[in-house]
């Protein structure tokens, strides 16, 4: 914008419309200097007259600092392990510990595994199927303890309802919730005639962690 246009007087037709009047040059200069003294950021080595000679004038304005506590409080915080145990989030209520309630889950799991393994045909490569099962989700599978260092676990069969890092929780046909440790146990899983064995000691990961893990092929595996 031209400096001449800035310093021009307000036209008469706008004076009445805006409700303002043009001031004399002396009054305008006095007002400007007083305004700048109150608005310009404080600088000891500059006077007002020196600041007026600059093309750009920075008026004193600062944004209010945000409260860090309020900003952190807006972030959603998840529950820790102790709080989850206190709230009994992972506990299945006794009235829900019934075998028939989890049969639909088993049917969904069976279809999921068939799709994952490409149909589980008799001509399917057992090693390829085994590699896919290692990273699969077993919630809903019917598993059987075929070998264990604790003889009381051997022969236990049921639907897997919860998998943790170190244990399987299964519901038996007798509507009993069994907690079977993975370590020192071998589990059998049958899908459409294909039987796979899970060595629990080498399976001690959560389902989410196991999907990204690389398993090494070994000739022999001890309990």
Protein backbone atom coordinates (compact mmCIF):
# COMPACT_ATOMS: atom_id res chain seq x y z
CA UNK A 1 0.00 0.00 0.00
CA UNK A 2 1.27 3.53 -0.84
CA UNK A 3 2.46 5.63 2.11
CA UNK A 4 0.64 8.65 0.62
CA UNK A 5 -2.68 6.76 0.70
CA UNK A 6 -2.11 5.75 4.32
CA UNK A 7 -1.54 9.35 5.40
CA UNK A 8 -4.46 10.80 3.43
CA UNK A 9 -7.45 12.14 5.27
CA UNK A 10 -10.64 10.09 5.44
CA UNK A 11 -13.09 11.14 2.69
CA UNK A 12 -16.07 13.16 3.87
CA UNK A 13 -18.61 10.59 2.71
CA UNK A 14 -16.93 7.95 4.96
CA UNK A 15 -16.56 10.17 8.02
CA UNK A 16 -20.25 10.03 8.77
CA UNK A 17 -20.52 6.35 7.86
CA UNK A 18 -17.60 5.22 10.03
CA UNK A 19 -18.27 7.64 12.86
CA UNK A 20 -14.66 8.85 12.99
CA UNK A 21 -12.90 12.08 12.15
CA UNK A 22 -9.46 12.70 10.73
CA UNK A 23 -7.01 14.08 13.27
CA UNK A 24 -4.42 16.73 12.69
CA UNK A 25 -0.86 15.64 11.92
CA UNK A 26 0.36 16.60 15.39
CA UNK A 27 -2.39 14.67 17.19
CA UNK A 28 -1.89 11.65 14.91
CA UNK A 29 1.86 11.60 15.60
CA UNK A 30 1.29 11.90 19.37
CA UNK A 31 -1.20 9.01 19.32
CA UNK A 32 1.10 6.84 17.21
CA UNK A 33 4.10 7.35 19.51
CA UNK A 34 2.02 6.62 22.62
CA UNK A 35 0.56 3.49 21.00
CA UNK A 36 3.98 2.21 19.98
CA UNK A 37 5.44 2.78 23.45
CA UNK A 38 2.77 0.50 24.92
CA UNK A 39 2.84 -2.11 22.15
CA UNK A 40 6.42 -2.55 20.90
CA UNK A 41 8.47 -5.23 22.63
CA UNK A 42 10.92 -3.73 25.11
CA UNK A 43 14.40 -3.18 23.73
CA UNK A 44 16.77 -1.06 25.81
CA UNK A 45 19.12 -0.11 22.99
CA UNK A 46 16.36 1.20 20.69
CA UNK A 47 14.22 4.23 21.06
CA UNK A 48 10.81 4.83 19.63
CA UNK A 49 12.18 7.10 16.94
CA UNK A 50 14.64 4.41 15.85
CA UNK A 51 11.91 1.79 15.72
CA UNK A 52 9.78 4.03 13.54
CA UNK A 53 12.52 4.08 10.93
CA UNK A 54 12.23 0.32 10.44
CA UNK A 55 9.99 -0.97 7.68
CA UNK A 56 8.60 -3.78 9.82
CA UNK A 57 7.43 -3.18 13.36
CA UNK A 58 6.77 -6.18 15.63
CA UNK A 59 4.10 -5.47 18.21
CA UNK A 60 4.25 -7.17 21.57
CA UNK A 61 2.10 -10.27 21.41
CA UNK A 62 2.76 -13.61 23.02
CA UNK A 63 0.68 -16.79 22.94
CA UNK A 64 -0.34 -18.14 26.29
CA UNK A 65 1.56 -21.29 27.20
CA UNK A 66 -0.49 -24.45 27.25
CA UNK A 67 -0.70 -26.33 30.48
CA UNK A 68 1.22 -29.60 30.06
CA UNK A 69 -0.92 -31.35 32.65
CA UNK A 70 -4.12 -30.57 30.77
CA UNK A 71 -2.55 -31.69 27.49
CA UNK A 72 -1.36 -34.98 28.99
CA UNK A 73 -4.72 -35.61 30.65
CA UNK A 74 -6.43 -35.65 27.26
CA UNK A 75 -4.38 -38.66 26.14
CA UNK A 76 -6.12 -41.96 26.72
CA UNK A 77 -4.19 -44.13 29.16
CA UNK A 78 -4.61 -47.88 29.06
CA UNK A 79 -4.90 -50.14 32.08
CA UNK A 80 -1.79 -51.79 33.42
CA UNK A 81 -1.57 -55.49 34.29
CA UNK A 82 -2.34 -54.94 37.97
CA UNK A 83 -5.49 -52.95 37.19
CA UNK A 84 -6.66 -55.59 34.73
CA UNK A 85 -6.25 -58.31 37.35
CA UNK A 86 -8.12 -56.21 39.93
CA UNK A 87 -11.01 -55.68 37.51
CA UNK A 88 -10.97 -59.41 36.57
CA UNK A 89 -11.10 -58.57 32.87
CA UNK A 90 -9.73 -61.92 31.73
CA UNK A 91 -11.76 -64.08 34.09
CA UNK A 92 -14.62 -66.10 32.62
CA UNK A 93 -17.69 -66.09 34.84
CA UNK A 94 -18.82 -69.53 36.13
CA UNK A 95 -22.16 -69.27 34.33
CA UNK A 96 -20.28 -68.82 31.03
CA UNK A 97 -18.02 -71.83 31.53
CA UNK A 98 -20.08 -74.13 29.33
CA UNK A 99 -18.72 -76.19 26.44
CA UNK A 100 -21.69 -75.66 24.12
CA UNK A 101 -21.33 -71.87 24.34
CA UNK A 102 -17.95 -72.07 22.61
CA UNK A 103 -18.89 -74.52 19.85
CA UNK A 104 -19.75 -71.66 17.42
CA UNK A 105 -16.29 -70.21 18.13
CA UNK A 106 -14.76 -73.58 17.24
CA UNK A 107 -16.63 -73.68 13.92
CA UNK A 108 -15.37 -70.18 13.08
CA UNK A 109 -11.82 -71.21 13.95
CA UNK A 110 -12.03 -74.33 11.80
CA UNK A 111 -13.15 -72.29 8.78
CA UNK A 112 -10.42 -69.74 9.49
CA UNK A 113 -7.72 -72.44 9.49
CA UNK A 114 -9.05 -74.08 6.31
CA UNK A 115 -8.94 -70.72 4.52
CA UNK A 116 -5.49 -69.94 5.95
CA UNK A 117 -4.00 -73.23 4.78
CA UNK A 118 -5.60 -73.16 1.33
CA UNK A 119 -8.22 -75.84 1.92
CA UNK A 120 -6.15 -78.48 3.80
CA UNK A 121 -6.32 -80.94 0.91
CA UNK A 122 -4.70 -84.41 1.12
CA UNK A 123 -2.10 -83.15 -1.33
CA UNK A 124 -1.16 -80.19 0.88
CA UNK A 125 2.47 -79.90 1.91
CA UNK A 126 2.66 -80.79 5.67
CA UNK A 127 5.63 -78.49 6.28
CA UNK A 128 3.88 -75.53 4.66
CA UNK A 129 0.73 -76.19 6.72
CA UNK A 130 2.80 -76.51 9.90
CA UNK A 131 4.54 -73.16 9.28
CA UNK A 132 1.17 -71.44 8.86
CA UNK A 133 -0.23 -73.05 12.00
CA UNK A 134 2.72 -71.81 14.05
CA UNK A 135 1.64 -68.22 13.44
CA UNK A 136 -2.12 -68.84 13.51
CA UNK A 137 -4.56 -67.83 16.24
CA UNK A 138 -5.74 -70.90 18.20
CA UNK A 139 -8.69 -69.35 20.07
CA UNK A 140 -11.54 -71.78 19.37
CA UNK A 141 -9.36 -74.79 18.55
CA UNK A 142 -9.98 -78.17 20.18
CA UNK A 143 -6.64 -79.16 21.68
CA UNK A 144 -5.56 -82.28 23.54
CA UNK A 145 -2.62 -82.74 25.91
CA UNK A 146 -0.82 -85.73 24.37
CA UNK A 147 2.34 -85.58 26.51
CA UNK A 148 3.36 -83.77 29.67
CA UNK A 149 5.78 -84.05 32.57
CA UNK A 150 2.68 -83.78 34.78
CA UNK A 151 0.70 -87.02 34.14
CA UNK A 152 -2.59 -85.48 35.37
CA UNK A 153 -2.68 -83.18 32.32
CA UNK A 154 -2.34 -85.98 29.75
CA UNK A 155 -5.59 -86.69 27.91
CA UNK A 156 -7.23 -83.36 28.80
CA UNK A 157 -9.27 -82.15 25.80
CA UNK A 158 -11.29 -79.00 25.29
CA UNK A 159 -11.87 -75.80 23.35
CA UNK A 160 -9.15 -73.19 23.77
CA UNK A 161 -10.88 -70.06 25.08
CA UNK A 162 -7.88 -68.03 26.25
CA UNK A 163 -4.22 -68.09 25.35
CA UNK A 164 -1.62 -66.32 27.46
CA UNK A 165 2.14 -66.27 27.21
CA UNK A 166 2.68 -69.30 29.46
CA UNK A 167 -0.71 -71.07 29.70
CA UNK A 168 -3.71 -72.29 27.72
CA UNK A 169 -7.21 -72.04 29.19
CA UNK A 170 -9.60 -74.65 27.81
CA UNK A 171 -13.22 -75.62 28.43
CA UNK A 172 -13.79 -79.38 28.60
CA UNK A 173 -16.95 -81.25 27.65
CA UNK A 174 -17.64 -81.56 31.37
CA UNK A 175 -17.95 -77.73 31.50
CA UNK A 176 -14.75 -77.35 33.50
CA UNK A 177 -12.21 -74.60 32.94
CA UNK A 178 -8.70 -76.06 32.86
CA UNK A 179 -5.47 -74.06 32.97
CA UNK A 180 -2.69 -75.99 31.24
CA UNK A 181 0.90 -74.64 31.30
CA UNK A 182 2.61 -74.61 27.93
CA UNK A 183 6.02 -75.53 29.29
CA UNK A 184 6.80 -79.25 29.46
CA UNK A 185 3.64 -80.17 27.52
CA UNK A 186 2.84 -81.29 23.99
CA UNK A 187 -0.58 -80.48 22.51
CA UNK A 188 -2.36 -82.10 19.61
CA UNK A 189 -4.69 -80.22 17.23
CA UNK A 190 -6.86 -82.01 14.65
CA UNK A 191 -8.26 -80.18 11.61
CA UNK A 192 -10.10 -82.17 8.92
CA UNK A 193 -7.96 -85.25 9.49
CA UNK A 194 -4.71 -83.30 9.65
CA UNK A 195 -3.05 -83.68 13.08
CA UNK A 196 -0.51 -81.14 14.26
CA UNK A 197 1.54 -81.22 17.47
CA UNK A 198 2.44 -78.11 19.43
CA UNK A 199 5.48 -78.17 21.70
CA UNK A 200 4.44 -75.78 24.45
CA UNK A 201 7.98 -75.05 25.65
CA UNK A 202 8.75 -73.54 22.22
CA UNK A 203 5.36 -71.84 22.03
CA UNK A 204 5.65 -69.47 24.97
CA UNK A 205 4.58 -66.28 23.26
CA UNK A 206 1.36 -64.35 23.10
CA UNK A 207 -0.73 -64.89 19.98
CA UNK A 208 0.02 -61.34 18.77
CA UNK A 209 3.78 -61.82 19.26
CA UNK A 210 3.83 -65.26 17.64
CA UNK A 211 2.42 -63.96 14.35
CA UNK A 212 5.63 -61.96 13.76
CA UNK A 213 8.11 -64.53 15.11
CA UNK A 214 10.37 -66.62 12.92
CA UNK A 215 10.47 -70.26 14.02
CA UNK A 216 13.56 -72.37 13.34
CA UNK A 217 13.26 -75.91 12.05
CA UNK A 218 14.76 -78.40 14.51
CA UNK A 219 15.27 -82.14 14.24
CA UNK A 220 14.42 -83.01 17.84
CA UNK A 221 12.63 -81.03 20.53
CA UNK A 222 12.72 -81.89 24.23
CA UNK A 223 9.93 -81.21 26.66
